């Protein structure tokens, strides 16, 4: 985990470029105004702020090998995220962090890596994918299983096509609802797990998406034979301050912004059963 010098003091980052992903989701490319790279581990998040409006936790979706460029994929779900989604090149945003635990991708070296994403949950997993592909020879089979509500909800569509075009990565996409003319798979992402090509006992599995999805994905992976300790999920419910002071992220005895957001499947399982408050 990358150390934070002053977690309460934001730094200014300037928007370099924006990329529309879906009708309500945008990827922001940010550069530090002071020129200092923000080193981070795949799976960590920052507190991203729009001046005078608010601050929200957003998982980093950039390349850990490129700390000079910070990527965030943001969905418009409220006042602050609306301001972030509508940020334009040249605008300045505040960034605190990075915070939280990472995916620990290197733990999967020598074995298979299975990545299961739902909707915008692909964003926190993108750094892990890039890390694996950058050192592809260190891993055996690499499998990406991605599910969305509809084809219009797919993020990183062009990148998915590039990954699908590789001979050393298995990429499967499914949607909950296929419109007329859709020729791809239809069904929940969990239906892809039983037939995916990986060796369960030699697998590191990473999952991110809606909590109900992660609950069933974890169960499906364990049913396939993946040890619960080899399943990791990103649990980002109600994170607010990033440093465990406000208590908003507490689920039972876990403060997810400090001890998470990435947790082993065996520890996350009872937390995923807890109702939101």
C-alpha atoms as a PDB file:
ATOM      1  CA  UNK A   1       0.000   0.000   0.000  1.00  0.00           C
ATOM      2  CA  UNK A   2       1.344   3.421  -0.946  1.00  0.00           C
ATOM      3  CA  UNK A   3       1.997   5.746   2.010  1.00  0.00           C
ATOM      4  CA  UNK A   4       0.137   9.060   2.195  1.00  0.00           C
ATOM      5  CA  UNK A   5       2.072  12.099   3.483  1.00  0.00           C
ATOM      6  CA  UNK A   6      -0.978  14.143   4.505  1.00  0.00           C
ATOM      7  CA  UNK A   7      -4.254  12.330   3.840  1.00  0.00           C
ATOM      8  CA  UNK A   8      -6.371  15.348   4.775  1.00  0.00           C
ATOM      9  CA  UNK A   9      -4.721  17.776   2.364  1.00  0.00           C
ATOM     10  CA  UNK A  10      -5.876  17.605  -1.276  1.00  0.00           C
ATOM     11  CA  UNK A  11      -3.611  18.254  -4.232  1.00  0.00           C
ATOM     12  CA  UNK A  12      -4.688  19.984  -7.405  1.00  0.00           C
ATOM     13  CA  UNK A  13      -4.960  17.921 -10.568  1.00  0.00           C
ATOM     14  CA  UNK A  14      -5.880  19.288 -13.966  1.00  0.00           C
ATOM     15  CA  UNK A  15      -8.237  17.555 -16.363  1.00  0.00           C
ATOM     16  CA  UNK A  16      -6.300  16.691 -19.515  1.00  0.00           C
ATOM     17  CA  UNK A  17      -8.940  14.716 -21.352  1.00  0.00           C
ATOM     18  CA  UNK A  18     -12.392  13.221 -20.921  1.00  0.00           C
ATOM     19  CA  UNK A  19     -13.825  10.080 -22.502  1.00  0.00           C
ATOM     20  CA  UNK A  20     -17.540   9.332 -22.585  1.00  0.00           C
ATOM     21  CA  UNK A  21     -18.083   5.680 -21.630  1.00  0.00           C
ATOM     22  CA  UNK A  22     -21.876   5.462 -21.343  1.00  0.00           C
ATOM     23  CA  UNK A  23     -24.778   7.904 -21.137  1.00  0.00           C
ATOM     24  CA  UNK A  24     -23.966   8.697 -17.494  1.00  0.00           C
ATOM     25  CA  UNK A  25     -20.320   7.644 -17.121  1.00  0.00           C
ATOM     26  CA  UNK A  26     -17.123   9.485 -18.062  1.00  0.00           C
ATOM     27  CA  UNK A  27     -13.435   8.677 -17.701  1.00  0.00           C
ATOM     28  CA  UNK A  28     -11.243  11.596 -16.616  1.00  0.00           C
ATOM     29  CA  UNK A  29      -7.545  11.789 -17.371  1.00  0.00           C
ATOM     30  CA  UNK A  30      -5.843  13.956 -14.754  1.00  0.00           C
ATOM     31  CA  UNK A  31      -2.311  15.328 -14.372  1.00  0.00           C
ATOM     32  CA  UNK A  32      -0.786  16.734 -11.149  1.00  0.00           C
ATOM     33  CA  UNK A  33      -0.460  20.514 -11.252  1.00  0.00           C
ATOM     34  CA  UNK A  34       2.686  20.339  -9.111  1.00  0.00           C
ATOM     35  CA  UNK A  35       4.228  17.722 -11.392  1.00  0.00           C
ATOM     36  CA  UNK A  36       4.619  15.093  -8.655  1.00  0.00           C
ATOM     37  CA  UNK A  37       3.333  11.633  -9.722  1.00  0.00           C
ATOM     38  CA  UNK A  38       0.732   9.960  -7.518  1.00  0.00           C
ATOM     39  CA  UNK A  39       1.976   6.421  -7.021  1.00  0.00           C
ATOM     40  CA  UNK A  40      -0.750   3.893  -6.259  1.00  0.00           C
ATOM     41  CA  UNK A  41      -1.460   0.186  -6.124  1.00  0.00           C
ATOM     42  CA  UNK A  42      -4.119  -1.438  -8.289  1.00  0.00           C
ATOM     43  CA  UNK A  43      -7.334  -1.458  -6.261  1.00  0.00           C
ATOM     44  CA  UNK A  44      -6.724   1.725  -4.266  1.00  0.00           C
ATOM     45  CA  UNK A  45      -8.959   4.801  -4.418  1.00  0.00           C
ATOM     46  CA  UNK A  46      -8.707   8.561  -4.013  1.00  0.00           C
ATOM     47  CA  UNK A  47     -11.020  11.198  -2.620  1.00  0.00           C
ATOM     48  CA  UNK A  48     -11.871  13.286  -5.672  1.00  0.00           C
ATOM     49  CA  UNK A  49     -13.362  16.752  -5.167  1.00  0.00           C
ATOM     50  CA  UNK A  50     -15.052  19.441  -7.231  1.00  0.00           C
ATOM     51  CA  UNK A  51     -14.235  22.793  -5.628  1.00  0.00           C
ATOM     52  CA  UNK A  52     -17.171  24.290  -3.741  1.00  0.00           C
ATOM     53  CA  UNK A  53     -19.418  21.276  -4.375  1.00  0.00           C
ATOM     54  CA  UNK A  54     -18.131  18.208  -2.587  1.00  0.00           C
ATOM     55  CA  UNK A  55     -15.826  15.210  -2.399  1.00  0.00           C
ATOM     56  CA  UNK A  56     -16.405  11.530  -3.194  1.00  0.00           C
ATOM     57  CA  UNK A  57     -14.332   8.319  -3.099  1.00  0.00           C
ATOM     58  CA  UNK A  58     -13.496   7.063  -6.593  1.00  0.00           C
ATOM     59  CA  UNK A  59     -11.406   4.005  -7.415  1.00  0.00           C
ATOM     60  CA  UNK A  60      -8.342   4.666  -9.527  1.00  0.00           C
ATOM     61  CA  UNK A  61      -8.743   3.155 -12.981  1.00  0.00           C
ATOM     62  CA  UNK A  62      -5.351   4.058 -14.436  1.00  0.00           C
ATOM     63  CA  UNK A  63      -2.133   2.149 -14.985  1.00  0.00           C
ATOM     64  CA  UNK A  64      -0.025   1.633 -11.833  1.00  0.00           C
ATOM     65  CA  UNK A  65       3.058   1.814 -14.057  1.00  0.00           C
ATOM     66  CA  UNK A  66       2.077   5.353 -15.117  1.00  0.00           C
ATOM     67  CA  UNK A  67       1.716   7.331 -11.854  1.00  0.00           C
ATOM     68  CA  UNK A  68       2.186  10.588 -13.762  1.00  0.00           C
ATOM     69  CA  UNK A  69      -1.318  10.152 -15.212  1.00  0.00           C
ATOM     70  CA  UNK A  70      -4.352   9.575 -13.007  1.00  0.00           C
ATOM     71  CA  UNK A  71      -7.485   7.981 -14.462  1.00  0.00           C
ATOM     72  CA  UNK A  72     -10.906   7.974 -12.805  1.00  0.00           C
ATOM     73  CA  UNK A  73     -14.096   6.560 -14.268  1.00  0.00           C
ATOM     74  CA  UNK A  74     -17.063   8.366 -12.713  1.00  0.00           C
ATOM     75  CA  UNK A  75     -20.797   7.732 -12.958  1.00  0.00           C
ATOM     76  CA  UNK A  76     -23.270  10.573 -12.482  1.00  0.00           C
ATOM     77  CA  UNK A  77     -25.250   9.577  -9.381  1.00  0.00           C
ATOM     78  CA  UNK A  78     -25.372  12.812  -7.364  1.00  0.00           C
ATOM     79  CA  UNK A  79     -24.343  16.440  -7.064  1.00  0.00           C
ATOM     80  CA  UNK A  80     -20.589  15.938  -6.744  1.00  0.00           C
ATOM     81  CA  UNK A  81     -20.331  13.168  -9.329  1.00  0.00           C
ATOM     82  CA  UNK A  82     -22.408  15.276 -11.723  1.00  0.00           C
ATOM     83  CA  UNK A  83     -19.855  18.074 -11.407  1.00  0.00           C
ATOM     84  CA  UNK A  84     -17.012  15.612 -11.975  1.00  0.00           C
ATOM     85  CA  UNK A  85     -18.676  14.041 -15.009  1.00  0.00           C
ATOM     86  CA  UNK A  86     -19.118  17.500 -16.523  1.00  0.00           C
ATOM     87  CA  UNK A  87     -15.540  18.627 -15.833  1.00  0.00           C
ATOM     88  CA  UNK A  88     -13.809  19.891 -18.968  1.00  0.00           C
ATOM     89  CA  UNK A  89     -10.158  19.864 -20.065  1.00  0.00           C
ATOM     90  CA  UNK A  90      -8.333  22.569 -18.155  1.00  0.00           C
ATOM     91  CA  UNK A  91     -10.525  22.325 -15.055  1.00  0.00           C
ATOM     92  CA  UNK A  92      -8.866  21.641 -11.716  1.00  0.00           C
ATOM     93  CA  UNK A  93     -10.016  18.979  -9.276  1.00  0.00           C
ATOM     94  CA  UNK A  94      -8.822  18.147  -5.783  1.00  0.00           C
ATOM     95  CA  UNK A  95      -7.305  14.725  -5.079  1.00  0.00           C
ATOM     96  CA  UNK A  96      -6.523  13.135  -1.706  1.00  0.00           C
ATOM     97  CA  UNK A  97      -4.888   9.776  -1.402  1.00  0.00           C
ATOM     98  CA  UNK A  98      -4.309   7.113  -2.493  1.00  0.00           C
ATOM     99  CA  UNK A  99      -6.150   5.181   0.192  1.00  0.00           C
ATOM    100  CA  UNK A 100      -7.041   1.613   1.036  1.00  0.00           C
ATOM    101  CA  UNK A 101      -5.818  -1.854   0.218  1.00  0.00           C
ATOM    102  CA  UNK A 102      -4.962  -3.094  -3.259  1.00  0.00           C
ATOM    103  CA  UNK A 103      -5.716  -6.241  -5.242  1.00  0.00           C
ATOM    104  CA  UNK A 104      -2.271  -7.750  -4.574  1.00  0.00           C
ATOM    105  CA  UNK A 105      -2.076  -9.007  -8.138  1.00  0.00           C
ATOM    106  CA  UNK A 106       1.426 -10.417  -7.723  1.00  0.00           C
ATOM    107  CA  UNK A 107       0.031 -13.017  -5.313  1.00  0.00           C
ATOM    108  CA  UNK A 108      -1.322 -14.783  -8.386  1.00  0.00           C
ATOM    109  CA  UNK A 109       2.071 -15.221 -10.063  1.00  0.00           C
ATOM    110  CA  UNK A 110       2.591 -18.739 -11.350  1.00  0.00           C
ATOM    111  CA  UNK A 111      -1.131 -19.470 -11.404  1.00  0.00           C
ATOM    112  CA  UNK A 112      -4.321 -18.462 -13.188  1.00  0.00           C
ATOM    113  CA  UNK A 113      -5.958 -15.053 -12.733  1.00  0.00           C
ATOM    114  CA  UNK A 114      -9.730 -14.713 -13.070  1.00  0.00           C
ATOM    115  CA  UNK A 115     -11.292 -11.253 -13.106  1.00  0.00           C
ATOM    116  CA  UNK A 116     -15.066 -10.908 -12.766  1.00  0.00           C
ATOM    117  CA  UNK A 117     -16.624  -7.464 -13.237  1.00  0.00           C
ATOM    118  CA  UNK A 118     -20.140  -6.098 -13.253  1.00  0.00           C
ATOM    119  CA  UNK A 119     -20.963  -2.768 -14.919  1.00  0.00           C
ATOM    120  CA  UNK A 120     -18.742   0.090 -13.767  1.00  0.00           C
ATOM    121  CA  UNK A 121     -17.045  -2.442 -11.469  1.00  0.00           C
ATOM    122  CA  UNK A 122     -14.624  -2.961 -14.337  1.00  0.00           C
ATOM    123  CA  UNK A 123     -13.064   0.437 -13.483  1.00  0.00           C
ATOM    124  CA  UNK A 124     -11.401  -0.619 -10.182  1.00  0.00           C
ATOM    125  CA  UNK A 125     -10.246  -3.823 -11.910  1.00  0.00           C
ATOM    126  CA  UNK A 126      -8.688  -2.130 -14.938  1.00  0.00           C
ATOM    127  CA  UNK A 127      -5.391  -1.372 -13.096  1.00  0.00           C
ATOM    128  CA  UNK A 128      -5.136  -5.047 -12.106  1.00  0.00           C
ATOM    129  CA  UNK A 129      -5.728  -6.132 -15.700  1.00  0.00           C
ATOM    130  CA  UNK A 130      -3.059  -3.734 -16.972  1.00  0.00           C
ATOM    131  CA  UNK A 131      -0.630  -4.965 -14.309  1.00  0.00           C
ATOM    132  CA  UNK A 132      -1.164  -8.601 -15.296  1.00  0.00           C
ATOM    133  CA  UNK A 133      -0.853  -7.898 -19.024  1.00  0.00           C
ATOM    134  CA  UNK A 134       2.330  -5.866 -18.502  1.00  0.00           C
ATOM    135  CA  UNK A 135       3.987  -9.000 -17.079  1.00  0.00           C
ATOM    136  CA  UNK A 136       1.923 -11.611 -18.858  1.00  0.00           C
ATOM    137  CA  UNK A 137       4.674 -14.234 -18.726  1.00  0.00           C
ATOM    138  CA  UNK A 138       4.385 -14.409 -14.913  1.00  0.00           C
ATOM    139  CA  UNK A 139       0.867 -15.858 -15.057  1.00  0.00           C
ATOM    140  CA  UNK A 140      -0.743 -18.915 -16.582  1.00  0.00           C
ATOM    141  CA  UNK A 141      -4.275 -18.416 -17.888  1.00  0.00           C
ATOM    142  CA  UNK A 142      -5.887 -14.986 -17.645  1.00  0.00           C
ATOM    143  CA  UNK A 143      -9.680 -14.823 -17.785  1.00  0.00           C
ATOM    144  CA  UNK A 144     -11.891 -11.717 -17.821  1.00  0.00           C
ATOM    145  CA  UNK A 145     -15.629 -12.238 -17.318  1.00  0.00           C
ATOM    146  CA  UNK A 146     -17.690  -9.062 -17.689  1.00  0.00           C
ATOM    147  CA  UNK A 147     -21.417  -8.523 -17.301  1.00  0.00           C
ATOM    148  CA  UNK A 148     -23.565  -5.401 -17.756  1.00  0.00           C
ATOM    149  CA  UNK A 149     -27.271  -4.610 -17.874  1.00  0.00           C
ATOM    150  CA  UNK A 150     -27.201  -3.932 -21.622  1.00  0.00           C
ATOM    151  CA  UNK A 151     -24.678  -3.340 -24.416  1.00  0.00           C
ATOM    152  CA  UNK A 152     -25.095   0.411 -23.813  1.00  0.00           C
ATOM    153  CA  UNK A 153     -23.671  -0.013 -20.294  1.00  0.00           C
ATOM    154  CA  UNK A 154     -20.318  -1.444 -21.378  1.00  0.00           C
ATOM    155  CA  UNK A 155     -17.322   0.654 -20.291  1.00  0.00           C
ATOM    156  CA  UNK A 156     -13.918   0.588 -22.013  1.00  0.00           C
ATOM    157  CA  UNK A 157     -15.520  -0.926 -25.117  1.00  0.00           C
ATOM    158  CA  UNK A 158     -12.522  -0.346 -27.399  1.00  0.00           C
ATOM    159  CA  UNK A 159     -10.098  -1.681 -24.807  1.00  0.00           C
ATOM    160  CA  UNK A 160     -12.217  -4.780 -24.316  1.00  0.00           C
ATOM    161  CA  UNK A 161     -12.001  -5.438 -28.037  1.00  0.00           C
ATOM    162  CA  UNK A 162      -8.199  -5.120 -27.912  1.00  0.00           C
ATOM    163  CA  UNK A 163      -8.009  -7.534 -25.003  1.00  0.00           C
ATOM    164  CA  UNK A 164     -10.378  -9.901 -26.766  1.00  0.00           C
ATOM    165  CA  UNK A 165      -8.088  -9.813 -29.810  1.00  0.00           C
ATOM    166  CA  UNK A 166      -5.140 -11.143 -27.816  1.00  0.00           C
ATOM    167  CA  UNK A 167      -4.384 -14.862 -27.931  1.00  0.00           C
ATOM    168  CA  UNK A 168      -3.284 -15.002 -24.300  1.00  0.00           C
ATOM    169  CA  UNK A 169      -6.442 -13.644 -22.624  1.00  0.00           C
ATOM    170  CA  UNK A 170      -9.917 -15.160 -22.441  1.00  0.00           C
ATOM    171  CA  UNK A 171     -12.548 -12.388 -22.520  1.00  0.00           C
ATOM    172  CA  UNK A 172     -16.263 -13.146 -22.157  1.00  0.00           C
ATOM    173  CA  UNK A 173     -19.025 -10.523 -22.151  1.00  0.00           C
ATOM    174  CA  UNK A 174     -22.652 -11.043 -21.204  1.00  0.00           C
ATOM    175  CA  UNK A 175     -25.615  -8.687 -20.772  1.00  0.00           C
ATOM    176  CA  UNK A 176     -28.800  -8.952 -18.718  1.00  0.00           C
ATOM    177  CA  UNK A 177     -30.940  -7.706 -21.601  1.00  0.00           C
ATOM    178  CA  UNK A 178     -30.037  -8.072 -25.256  1.00  0.00           C
ATOM    179  CA  UNK A 179     -31.752  -5.660 -27.669  1.00  0.00           C
ATOM    180  CA  UNK A 180     -32.918  -6.772 -31.123  1.00  0.00           C
ATOM    181  CA  UNK A 181     -29.876  -7.632 -33.191  1.00  0.00           C
ATOM    182  CA  UNK A 182     -27.664  -8.444 -30.212  1.00  0.00           C
ATOM    183  CA  UNK A 183     -25.660 -11.569 -31.016  1.00  0.00           C
ATOM    184  CA  UNK A 184     -23.675 -11.845 -27.827  1.00  0.00           C
ATOM    185  CA  UNK A 185     -24.397 -13.717 -24.624  1.00  0.00           C
ATOM    186  CA  UNK A 186     -27.419 -12.919 -22.478  1.00  0.00           C
ATOM    187  CA  UNK A 187     -27.460 -13.815 -18.791  1.00  0.00           C
ATOM    188  CA  UNK A 188     -25.856 -13.062 -15.460  1.00  0.00           C
ATOM    189  CA  UNK A 189     -22.078 -12.931 -15.253  1.00  0.00           C
ATOM    190  CA  UNK A 190     -22.156 -15.853 -12.800  1.00  0.00           C
ATOM    191  CA  UNK A 191     -23.269 -18.124 -15.663  1.00  0.00           C
ATOM    192  CA  UNK A 192     -19.845 -17.639 -17.264  1.00  0.00           C
ATOM    193  CA  UNK A 193     -17.903 -19.018 -14.290  1.00  0.00           C
ATOM    194  CA  UNK A 194     -18.655 -22.773 -14.608  1.00  0.00           C
ATOM    195  CA  UNK A 195     -17.349 -22.981 -18.181  1.00  0.00           C
ATOM    196  CA  UNK A 196     -14.439 -20.525 -17.997  1.00  0.00           C
ATOM    197  CA  UNK A 197     -10.999 -21.975 -18.622  1.00  0.00           C
ATOM    198  CA  UNK A 198      -9.051 -21.899 -15.364  1.00  0.00           C
ATOM    199  CA  UNK A 199      -7.716 -24.329 -12.763  1.00  0.00           C
ATOM    200  CA  UNK A 200      -9.582 -23.501  -9.515  1.00  0.00           C
ATOM    201  CA  UNK A 201      -6.959 -24.625  -7.033  1.00  0.00           C
ATOM    202  CA  UNK A 202      -4.314 -22.483  -8.753  1.00  0.00           C
ATOM    203  CA  UNK A 203      -6.427 -19.368  -9.225  1.00  0.00           C
ATOM    204  CA  UNK A 204      -6.460 -15.843  -7.840  1.00  0.00           C
ATOM    205  CA  UNK A 205      -9.930 -14.398  -8.463  1.00  0.00           C
ATOM    206  CA  UNK A 206     -10.747 -10.670  -8.322  1.00  0.00           C
ATOM    207  CA  UNK A 207     -14.331  -9.396  -8.425  1.00  0.00           C
ATOM    208  CA  UNK A 208     -15.999  -5.995  -8.374  1.00  0.00           C
ATOM    209  CA  UNK A 209     -19.547  -4.862  -9.085  1.00  0.00           C
ATOM    210  CA  UNK A 210     -22.869  -4.539  -7.271  1.00  0.00           C
ATOM    211  CA  UNK A 211     -22.776  -6.198  -3.859  1.00  0.00           C
ATOM    212  CA  UNK A 212     -25.390  -8.787  -4.773  1.00  0.00           C
ATOM    213  CA  UNK A 213     -23.298  -9.712  -7.805  1.00  0.00           C
ATOM    214  CA  UNK A 214     -20.128 -10.087  -5.733  1.00  0.00           C
ATOM    215  CA  UNK A 215     -21.964 -12.282  -3.235  1.00  0.00           C
ATOM    216  CA  UNK A 216     -23.097 -14.708  -5.930  1.00  0.00           C
ATOM    217  CA  UNK A 217     -19.806 -14.510  -7.823  1.00  0.00           C
ATOM    218  CA  UNK A 218     -17.903 -15.457  -4.664  1.00  0.00           C
ATOM    219  CA  UNK A 219     -20.223 -18.409  -4.084  1.00  0.00           C
ATOM    220  CA  UNK A 220     -19.902 -19.542  -7.717  1.00  0.00           C
ATOM    221  CA  UNK A 221     -16.105 -19.356  -7.604  1.00  0.00           C
ATOM    222  CA  UNK A 222     -15.980 -21.315  -4.340  1.00  0.00           C
ATOM    223  CA  UNK A 223     -18.397 -23.886  -5.785  1.00  0.00           C
ATOM    224  CA  UNK A 224     -16.022 -24.219  -8.742  1.00  0.00           C
ATOM    225  CA  UNK A 225     -13.223 -25.031  -6.286  1.00  0.00           C
ATOM    226  CA  UNK A 226     -11.446 -21.702  -5.763  1.00  0.00           C
ATOM    227  CA  UNK A 227     -10.407 -21.366  -2.078  1.00  0.00           C
ATOM    228  CA  UNK A 228     -12.283 -18.472  -0.366  1.00  0.00           C
ATOM    229  CA  UNK A 229      -8.943 -16.926   0.612  1.00  0.00           C
ATOM    230  CA  UNK A 230      -8.054 -16.754  -3.093  1.00  0.00           C
ATOM    231  CA  UNK A 231     -11.150 -14.698  -3.925  1.00  0.00           C
ATOM    232  CA  UNK A 232     -10.918 -10.929  -3.454  1.00  0.00           C
ATOM    233  CA  UNK A 233     -13.693  -8.360  -3.765  1.00  0.00           C
ATOM    234  CA  UNK A 234     -13.779  -4.567  -3.616  1.00  0.00           C
ATOM    235  CA  UNK A 235     -16.320  -3.406  -1.049  1.00  0.00           C
ATOM    236  CA  UNK A 236     -16.815   0.356  -1.336  1.00  0.00           C
ATOM    237  CA  UNK A 237     -20.113   0.818   0.449  1.00  0.00           C
ATOM    238  CA  UNK A 238     -20.686   4.286   1.980  1.00  0.00           C
ATOM    239  CA  UNK A 239     -17.034   5.365   2.037  1.00  0.00           C
ATOM    240  CA  UNK A 240     -16.941   9.075   2.828  1.00  0.00           C
ATOM    241  CA  UNK A 241     -13.773  10.469   4.409  1.00  0.00           C
ATOM    242  CA  UNK A 242     -11.129   7.982   3.265  1.00  0.00           C
ATOM    243  CA  UNK A 243      -9.358   7.758   6.625  1.00  0.00           C
ATOM    244  CA  UNK A 244     -11.830   6.010   8.942  1.00  0.00           C
ATOM    245  CA  UNK A 245     -12.804   9.073  10.973  1.00  0.00           C
ATOM    246  CA  UNK A 246     -16.443   9.588  10.030  1.00  0.00           C
ATOM    247  CA  UNK A 247     -17.577   5.981  10.506  1.00  0.00           C
ATOM    248  CA  UNK A 248     -19.812   6.017   7.422  1.00  0.00           C
ATOM    249  CA  UNK A 249     -18.048   3.026   5.879  1.00  0.00           C
ATOM    250  CA  UNK A 250     -18.285   0.760   8.939  1.00  0.00           C
ATOM    251  CA  UNK A 251     -19.881  -2.623   8.329  1.00  0.00           C
ATOM    252  CA  UNK A 252     -19.917  -4.622  11.539  1.00  0.00           C
ATOM    253  CA  UNK A 253     -16.306  -4.452  12.759  1.00  0.00           C
ATOM    254  CA  UNK A 254     -14.732  -3.372   9.456  1.00  0.00           C
ATOM    255  CA  UNK A 255     -14.000   0.155   8.268  1.00  0.00           C
ATOM    256  CA  UNK A 256     -13.877  -0.448   4.526  1.00  0.00           C
ATOM    257  CA  UNK A 257     -12.019   2.747   3.613  1.00  0.00           C
ATOM    258  CA  UNK A 258      -9.106   1.725   5.863  1.00  0.00           C
ATOM    259  CA  UNK A 259      -9.141  -2.082   5.946  1.00  0.00           C
ATOM    260  CA  UNK A 260     -10.552  -2.338   2.418  1.00  0.00           C
ATOM    261  CA  UNK A 261     -11.818  -1.708  -0.085  1.00  0.00           C
ATOM    262  CA  UNK A 262     -10.222  -4.987  -1.245  1.00  0.00           C
ATOM    263  CA  UNK A 263     -10.983  -7.875   1.111  1.00  0.00           C
ATOM    264  CA  UNK A 264     -10.535 -11.637   0.897  1.00  0.00           C
ATOM    265  CA  UNK A 265     -13.704 -13.522   0.078  1.00  0.00           C
ATOM    266  CA  UNK A 266     -13.893 -15.311   3.419  1.00  0.00           C
ATOM    267  CA  UNK A 267     -13.771 -12.023   5.325  1.00  0.00           C
ATOM    268  CA  UNK A 268     -16.073 -10.185   2.924  1.00  0.00           C
ATOM    269  CA  UNK A 269     -18.756 -12.895   2.852  1.00  0.00           C
ATOM    270  CA  UNK A 270     -20.511 -11.938   6.123  1.00  0.00           C
ATOM    271  CA  UNK A 271     -20.195  -8.242   5.252  1.00  0.00           C
ATOM    272  CA  UNK A 272     -21.932  -8.764   1.924  1.00  0.00           C
ATOM    273  CA  UNK A 273     -24.867 -10.249   3.826  1.00  0.00           C
ATOM    274  CA  UNK A 274     -25.284  -7.085   5.930  1.00  0.00           C
ATOM    275  CA  UNK A 275     -28.049  -4.739   4.780  1.00  0.00           C
ATOM    276  CA  UNK A 276     -27.165  -1.178   3.879  1.00  0.00           C
ATOM    277  CA  UNK A 277     -28.167   1.437   6.445  1.00  0.00           C
END
